[in-house]
């Protein structure tokens, strides 16, 4: 019986490292930790596999149909589990749009990872498992891990920028700058800021762009009007807003840099009887359809999760189909959706 190339290569790797083919196969299939194989042994096998350019046909028997059409590309979406479930639905709506528009043959696999712990999935981030990987919302720690490794599978970071890996991102500094400019157009002279204590590179740039431009335009942002919470969710937004409302002097407008905190801010303002936008205007980063359904509806700036999903899939498939090895970065331009919480028209 004729042996396929993958089997021959596994035997070659086994001979090179002096181990059994079964041990090599277990490691190359990402089950090294599960089978309690030593990390050093796994490292030696993986290095030998790279040296011998080991690339088996991923799930070929399952994916090729009798008609002989091209097999699907197996794309893994590594999803930061701190993101809202609604964001995942929007992301895949965009991903589906990319597939339909371009006729891609794709099968998606979802893998959740904990914020800052993407490195724990190193063993399965390989071309032996997937044709390509999209990493949605990696933290600064996750990006440092990715940039410090050499992967044999095409990667695209979604909603984050990287100089070493391909990415789809929005310009955080520009978004912060645009929000400050919007406040200035309305004649606002005092502004507050709501964000997270542990920001990503993108959120840090939004903060910097906002603060720098407010200073340039003469908009006052006092230290006590800057509130950051560890929890970047509804509760965190609520706590921040309550702190700001407890102050004797309050800003005319707030820039909330996470859409996940927006509803908490809105509820706190409404609970306190604050008139929006007359007493306090509100602009939120992140295009989230839920925020247009509230009363009052919320003005947002940014890119939608659907945009990120569509562009991430399209960029990854472009890289795969054209064998691109250099990092490719795709910038998504920000846009506004105006709601009741802030308008450039006269009140």
Protein backbone atom coordinates (compact mmCIF):
# COMPACT_ATOMS: atom_id res chain seq x y z
CA UNK A 1 0.00 0.00 0.00
CA UNK A 2 1.41 3.41 -0.99
CA UNK A 3 2.04 5.72 1.94
CA UNK A 4 1.04 9.37 1.76
CA UNK A 5 3.57 12.17 2.15
CA UNK A 6 2.35 13.17 5.62
CA UNK A 7 3.00 9.65 6.99
CA UNK A 8 6.47 9.60 5.46
CA UNK A 9 7.26 13.00 6.97
CA UNK A 10 6.10 11.94 10.42
CA UNK A 11 8.51 9.01 10.26
CA UNK A 12 11.29 11.32 9.13
CA UNK A 13 10.60 13.65 12.05
CA UNK A 14 10.53 10.69 14.44
CA UNK A 15 13.92 9.51 13.16
CA UNK A 16 15.41 12.98 13.49
CA UNK A 17 14.32 13.46 17.11
CA UNK A 18 14.74 9.83 18.11
CA UNK A 19 11.14 9.22 19.15
CA UNK A 20 8.27 7.03 18.07
CA UNK A 21 6.00 8.09 15.18
CA UNK A 22 3.00 7.90 17.51
CA UNK A 23 4.54 10.45 19.90
CA UNK A 24 5.36 12.74 16.99
CA UNK A 25 1.82 12.40 15.62
CA UNK A 26 0.28 13.28 19.00
CA UNK A 27 2.35 16.46 19.28
CA UNK A 28 1.73 17.54 15.68
CA UNK A 29 -2.00 17.13 16.21
CA UNK A 30 -1.92 19.52 19.18
CA UNK A 31 -2.50 16.89 21.87
CA UNK A 32 0.90 17.10 23.56
CA UNK A 33 -0.36 18.65 26.80
CA UNK A 34 -3.40 16.37 26.90
CA UNK A 35 -1.15 13.28 26.67
CA UNK A 36 1.31 14.77 29.20
CA UNK A 37 4.24 14.92 26.81
CA UNK A 38 7.06 17.11 28.17
CA UNK A 39 7.22 20.67 26.88
CA UNK A 40 10.85 20.23 25.82
CA UNK A 41 9.91 17.13 23.83
CA UNK A 42 7.08 19.02 22.15
CA UNK A 43 9.43 21.88 21.32
CA UNK A 44 11.98 19.53 19.70
CA UNK A 45 9.29 17.84 17.60
CA UNK A 46 7.80 21.15 16.47
CA UNK A 47 11.22 22.53 15.51
CA UNK A 48 12.02 19.38 13.54
CA UNK A 49 8.63 19.64 11.79
CA UNK A 50 9.40 23.21 10.74
CA UNK A 51 12.85 22.22 9.50
CA UNK A 52 11.37 19.44 7.36
CA UNK A 53 8.54 21.71 6.17
CA UNK A 54 5.83 19.38 7.44
CA UNK A 55 2.46 20.40 5.91
CA UNK A 56 -0.18 17.67 5.90
CA UNK A 57 -3.40 18.04 3.96
CA UNK A 58 -5.83 19.49 6.52
CA UNK A 59 -8.95 17.37 6.90
CA UNK A 60 -8.73 16.55 3.20
CA UNK A 61 -10.84 13.39 3.31
CA UNK A 62 -13.66 15.15 5.15
CA UNK A 63 -13.67 18.24 3.00
CA UNK A 64 -13.29 16.94 -0.55
CA UNK A 65 -16.55 15.92 -2.06
CA UNK A 66 -17.12 13.35 -4.74
CA UNK A 67 -17.74 16.04 -7.33
CA UNK A 68 -14.11 17.03 -7.08
CA UNK A 69 -14.71 20.69 -6.14
CA UNK A 70 -12.01 22.53 -4.24
CA UNK A 71 -11.90 21.79 -0.49
CA UNK A 72 -13.00 24.35 2.04
CA UNK A 73 -10.43 26.50 3.79
CA UNK A 74 -10.49 25.83 7.53
CA UNK A 75 -10.43 29.22 9.23
CA UNK A 76 -10.18 29.42 13.03
CA UNK A 77 -11.63 32.46 14.78
CA UNK A 78 -9.87 32.89 18.12
CA UNK A 79 -12.33 35.01 20.09
CA UNK A 80 -11.49 36.95 23.27
CA UNK A 81 -14.17 35.75 25.70
CA UNK A 82 -14.48 39.20 27.31
CA UNK A 83 -16.30 40.41 24.18
CA UNK A 84 -20.09 40.53 24.23
CA UNK A 85 -22.04 37.70 22.58
CA UNK A 86 -23.84 40.26 20.44
CA UNK A 87 -20.45 41.31 19.05
CA UNK A 88 -19.76 37.74 17.97
CA UNK A 89 -23.07 37.59 16.10
CA UNK A 90 -22.27 40.85 14.31
CA UNK A 91 -18.73 39.70 13.50
CA UNK A 92 -19.97 36.52 11.85
CA UNK A 93 -22.62 38.43 9.96
CA UNK A 94 -19.78 40.41 8.41
CA UNK A 95 -17.75 37.24 7.85
CA UNK A 96 -20.71 35.66 6.05
CA UNK A 97 -20.99 38.75 3.86
CA UNK A 98 -17.34 38.37 2.80
CA UNK A 99 -17.89 34.70 1.93
CA UNK A 100 -21.06 35.43 -0.09
CA UNK A 101 -19.63 38.41 -1.99
CA UNK A 102 -16.42 36.65 -3.00
CA UNK A 103 -17.55 33.03 -3.31
CA UNK A 104 -15.01 31.79 -0.77
CA UNK A 105 -15.13 28.11 0.22
CA UNK A 106 -14.69 28.44 3.97
CA UNK A 107 -15.44 26.48 7.11
CA UNK A 108 -15.18 28.46 10.37
CA UNK A 109 -14.04 27.01 13.68
CA UNK A 110 -14.57 29.08 16.86
CA UNK A 111 -12.02 28.89 19.67
CA UNK A 112 -12.49 31.02 22.80
CA UNK A 113 -9.51 32.32 24.73
CA UNK A 114 -9.21 34.26 27.97
CA UNK A 115 -7.99 37.84 27.83
CA UNK A 116 -4.18 37.87 27.96
CA UNK A 117 -3.88 34.08 27.78
CA UNK A 118 -3.80 33.38 24.04
CA UNK A 119 -0.35 31.81 24.49
CA UNK A 120 -2.01 28.80 26.11
CA UNK A 121 -3.34 27.89 22.64
CA UNK A 122 0.09 27.94 20.98
CA UNK A 123 0.07 24.22 20.18
CA UNK A 124 -3.05 24.39 17.99
CA UNK A 125 -2.16 27.63 16.18
CA UNK A 126 -0.63 25.77 13.29
CA UNK A 127 -1.16 24.99 9.63
CA UNK A 128 -1.46 21.38 10.71
CA UNK A 129 -4.83 22.39 12.17
CA UNK A 130 -6.01 25.36 10.11
CA UNK A 131 -5.43 27.09 6.79
CA UNK A 132 -5.66 30.47 8.46
CA UNK A 133 -6.42 32.15 11.79
CA UNK A 134 -8.23 35.36 12.75
CA UNK A 135 -7.61 36.60 16.28
CA UNK A 136 -10.44 38.86 17.43
CA UNK A 137 -9.64 41.45 20.08
CA UNK A 138 -6.27 40.31 21.45
CA UNK A 139 -4.98 42.20 24.49
CA UNK A 140 -1.57 43.87 24.65
CA UNK A 141 -0.19 40.68 26.26
CA UNK A 142 -1.68 38.55 23.50
CA UNK A 143 -0.20 40.77 20.80
CA UNK A 144 3.22 40.60 22.48
CA UNK A 145 2.96 36.80 22.39
CA UNK A 146 1.90 36.73 18.73
CA UNK A 147 4.60 39.18 17.65
CA UNK A 148 7.24 37.21 19.52
CA UNK A 149 6.42 33.88 17.84
CA UNK A 150 6.90 32.51 14.35
CA UNK A 151 3.78 30.79 13.07
CA UNK A 152 3.52 28.63 9.97
CA UNK A 153 -0.12 29.59 9.40
CA UNK A 154 -1.42 32.93 8.00
CA UNK A 155 -2.69 35.19 10.81
CA UNK A 156 -4.87 38.29 10.83
CA UNK A 157 -5.45 40.37 13.96
CA UNK A 158 -8.93 41.87 14.04
CA UNK A 159 -9.49 45.31 15.65
CA UNK A 160 -5.80 45.58 16.58
CA UNK A 161 -2.73 46.87 14.72
CA UNK A 162 0.55 44.98 14.47
CA UNK A 163 3.72 45.79 12.57
CA UNK A 164 4.77 42.13 12.50
CA UNK A 165 1.47 40.49 11.55
CA UNK A 166 -1.40 41.31 9.21
CA UNK A 167 -4.24 43.24 10.80
CA UNK A 168 -7.58 44.96 10.30
CA UNK A 169 -7.93 47.99 12.52
CA UNK A 170 -9.30 51.47 13.10
CA UNK A 171 -7.02 54.42 13.86
CA UNK A 172 -7.62 54.92 17.58
CA UNK A 173 -5.82 58.26 17.76
CA UNK A 174 -7.91 59.65 14.89
CA UNK A 175 -11.13 58.52 16.57
CA UNK A 176 -10.24 60.30 19.82
CA UNK A 177 -9.25 63.37 17.83
CA UNK A 178 -12.52 63.38 15.87
CA UNK A 179 -14.57 63.16 19.06
CA UNK A 180 -12.80 66.21 20.51
CA UNK A 181 -13.36 68.08 17.25
CA UNK A 182 -17.04 67.18 17.38
CA UNK A 183 -17.30 68.64 20.89
CA UNK A 184 -15.57 71.83 19.69
CA UNK A 185 -18.00 72.20 16.75
CA UNK A 186 -20.85 72.16 19.25
CA UNK A 187 -19.16 74.80 21.42
CA UNK A 188 -18.54 72.46 24.34
CA UNK A 189 -15.82 73.78 26.66
CA UNK A 190 -15.67 71.08 29.36
CA UNK A 191 -15.54 67.32 28.80
CA UNK A 192 -15.18 64.08 30.75
CA UNK A 193 -13.84 60.66 29.80
CA UNK A 194 -15.00 57.15 30.70
CA UNK A 195 -12.79 54.14 29.97
CA UNK A 196 -11.03 51.08 31.35
CA UNK A 197 -8.04 50.83 33.68
CA UNK A 198 -6.45 48.11 31.57
CA UNK A 199 -6.65 49.47 28.06
CA UNK A 200 -5.48 47.96 24.81
CA UNK A 201 -3.13 49.78 22.46
CA UNK A 202 -6.15 50.98 20.48
CA UNK A 203 -8.03 52.35 23.50
CA UNK A 204 -4.86 54.06 24.75
CA UNK A 205 -4.57 55.79 21.38
CA UNK A 206 -8.22 56.89 21.54
CA UNK A 207 -7.55 58.37 24.96
CA UNK A 208 -4.38 60.14 23.80
CA UNK A 209 -6.02 61.52 20.66
CA UNK A 210 -8.96 62.82 22.68
CA UNK A 211 -6.89 64.44 25.45
CA UNK A 212 -4.34 66.01 23.11
CA UNK A 213 -6.97 67.46 20.79
CA UNK A 214 -9.10 68.76 23.66
CA UNK A 215 -6.04 70.63 24.92
CA UNK A 216 -5.32 72.04 21.45
CA UNK A 217 -8.94 73.21 21.05
CA UNK A 218 -9.25 74.70 24.52
CA UNK A 219 -11.65 72.07 25.89
CA UNK A 220 -11.04 71.55 29.60
CA UNK A 221 -10.70 67.94 30.82
CA UNK A 222 -10.06 67.98 34.57
CA UNK A 223 -8.44 64.94 36.24
CA UNK A 224 -11.57 64.37 38.34
CA UNK A 225 -13.62 64.14 35.13
CA UNK A 226 -11.57 61.18 33.93
CA UNK A 227 -12.97 57.91 35.25
CA UNK A 228 -11.63 54.44 34.52
CA UNK A 229 -12.95 51.12 35.78
CA UNK A 230 -11.39 47.67 35.61
CA UNK A 231 -14.72 46.26 34.46
CA UNK A 232 -15.33 47.53 30.91
CA UNK A 233 -18.99 46.54 30.93
CA UNK A 234 -22.36 48.01 31.89
CA UNK A 235 -21.51 47.93 35.60
CA UNK A 236 -18.20 49.70 35.01
CA UNK A 237 -19.96 52.41 33.00
CA UNK A 238 -22.58 52.85 35.70
CA UNK A 239 -19.97 53.20 38.46
CA UNK A 240 -17.99 55.75 36.45
CA UNK A 241 -21.06 57.86 35.73
CA UNK A 242 -22.10 57.79 39.40
CA UNK A 243 -18.66 59.05 40.43
CA UNK A 244 -18.83 61.90 37.94
CA UNK A 245 -22.36 62.82 39.01
CA UNK A 246 -21.26 63.02 42.64
CA UNK A 247 -18.94 65.95 41.82
CA UNK A 248 -20.05 69.50 42.51
CA UNK A 249 -18.91 70.66 39.06
CA UNK A 250 -19.64 68.39 36.13
CA UNK A 251 -18.51 68.40 32.48
CA UNK A 252 -20.86 69.35 29.65
CA UNK A 253 -20.14 66.17 27.66
CA UNK A 254 -18.70 62.66 28.07
CA UNK A 255 -16.64 60.55 25.70
CA UNK A 256 -17.17 56.86 26.53
CA UNK A 257 -14.42 54.80 24.91
CA UNK A 258 -16.11 51.37 25.16
CA UNK A 259 -19.59 50.70 23.78
CA UNK A 260 -19.93 47.96 26.41
CA UNK A 261 -19.91 50.67 29.12
CA UNK A 262 -22.39 52.97 27.38
CA UNK A 263 -25.66 51.57 28.72
CA UNK A 264 -24.37 51.77 32.29
CA UNK A 265 -23.48 55.44 31.77
CA UNK A 266 -26.88 56.13 30.22
CA UNK A 267 -28.79 54.43 33.04
CA UNK A 268 -26.88 56.37 35.70
CA UNK A 269 -27.57 59.69 33.98
CA UNK A 270 -31.27 58.91 33.58
CA UNK A 271 -31.52 57.66 37.17
CA UNK A 272 -30.10 60.97 38.38
CA UNK A 273 -32.56 62.93 36.25
CA UNK A 274 -29.86 64.42 34.03
CA UNK A 275 -31.28 65.81 30.80
CA UNK A 276 -29.46 64.38 27.75
CA UNK A 277 -27.94 66.18 25.86
CA UNK A 278 -29.00 69.52 27.37
CA UNK A 279 -27.24 69.00 30.72
CA UNK A 280 -24.74 66.38 29.55
CA UNK A 281 -24.05 65.22 26.01
CA UNK A 282 -22.80 61.73 25.28
CA UNK A 283 -20.63 60.25 22.50
CA UNK A 284 -19.55 56.60 22.52
CA UNK A 285 -16.84 54.73 20.64
CA UNK A 286 -18.08 51.59 18.86
CA UNK A 287 -20.89 51.19 16.36
CA UNK A 288 -23.36 49.02 18.21
CA UNK A 289 -26.94 48.84 16.91
CA UNK A 290 -28.26 48.37 20.43
CA UNK A 291 -27.25 51.96 21.23
CA UNK A 292 -29.54 53.30 18.50
CA UNK A 293 -32.50 51.51 20.10
CA UNK A 294 -32.25 53.22 23.50
CA UNK A 295 -34.24 56.29 24.52
CA UNK A 296 -32.53 58.65 24.10
CA UNK A 297 -30.54 57.04 21.30
CA UNK A 298 -26.77 57.38 21.57
CA UNK A 299 -24.36 59.05 19.14
CA UNK A 300 -21.49 56.72 18.26
CA UNK A 301 -18.22 56.97 16.34
CA UNK A 302 -16.06 54.14 15.06
CA UNK A 303 -16.27 51.09 12.86
CA UNK A 304 -18.86 48.36 13.17
CA UNK A 305 -18.10 44.82 14.28
CA UNK A 306 -19.65 43.69 10.98
CA UNK A 307 -17.06 45.78 9.11
CA UNK A 308 -14.30 44.11 11.11
CA UNK A 309 -15.67 40.63 10.41
CA UNK A 310 -16.04 41.20 6.68
CA UNK A 311 -12.63 42.82 6.25
CA UNK A 312 -10.84 40.28 8.45
CA UNK A 313 -12.11 37.31 6.43
CA UNK A 314 -11.51 39.04 3.11
CA UNK A 315 -7.94 40.01 4.06
CA UNK A 316 -7.09 36.52 5.33
CA UNK A 317 -8.46 34.83 2.21
CA UNK A 318 -6.54 37.30 0.02
CA UNK A 319 -3.35 36.38 1.89
CA UNK A 320 -4.03 32.64 1.56
CA UNK A 321 -5.06 32.71 -2.11
CA UNK A 322 -2.08 34.84 -3.15
CA UNK A 323 0.55 33.23 -0.87
CA UNK A 324 1.36 36.61 0.68
CA UNK A 325 4.09 36.34 3.32
CA UNK A 326 4.60 40.00 4.25
CA UNK A 327 2.30 41.68 6.84
CA UNK A 328 -0.67 43.47 5.28
CA UNK A 329 -2.61 46.07 7.28
CA UNK A 330 -6.09 47.26 6.36
CA UNK A 331 -7.36 50.51 7.91
CA UNK A 332 -11.12 50.96 8.42
CA UNK A 333 -12.19 54.59 8.34
CA UNK A 334 -14.37 55.75 11.27
CA UNK A 335 -17.91 57.01 10.75
CA UNK A 336 -20.59 58.64 12.89
CA UNK A 337 -24.12 57.55 13.62
CA UNK A 338 -25.86 60.47 15.27
CA UNK A 339 -28.46 59.89 17.96
CA UNK A 340 -30.31 61.99 20.52
CA UNK A 341 -27.40 62.06 22.98
CA UNK A 342 -25.37 64.42 20.76
CA UNK A 343 -26.15 66.32 17.60
CA UNK A 344 -24.27 68.96 15.62
CA UNK A 345 -27.61 70.61 14.85
CA UNK A 346 -28.98 73.32 17.12
CA UNK A 347 -30.92 71.99 20.09
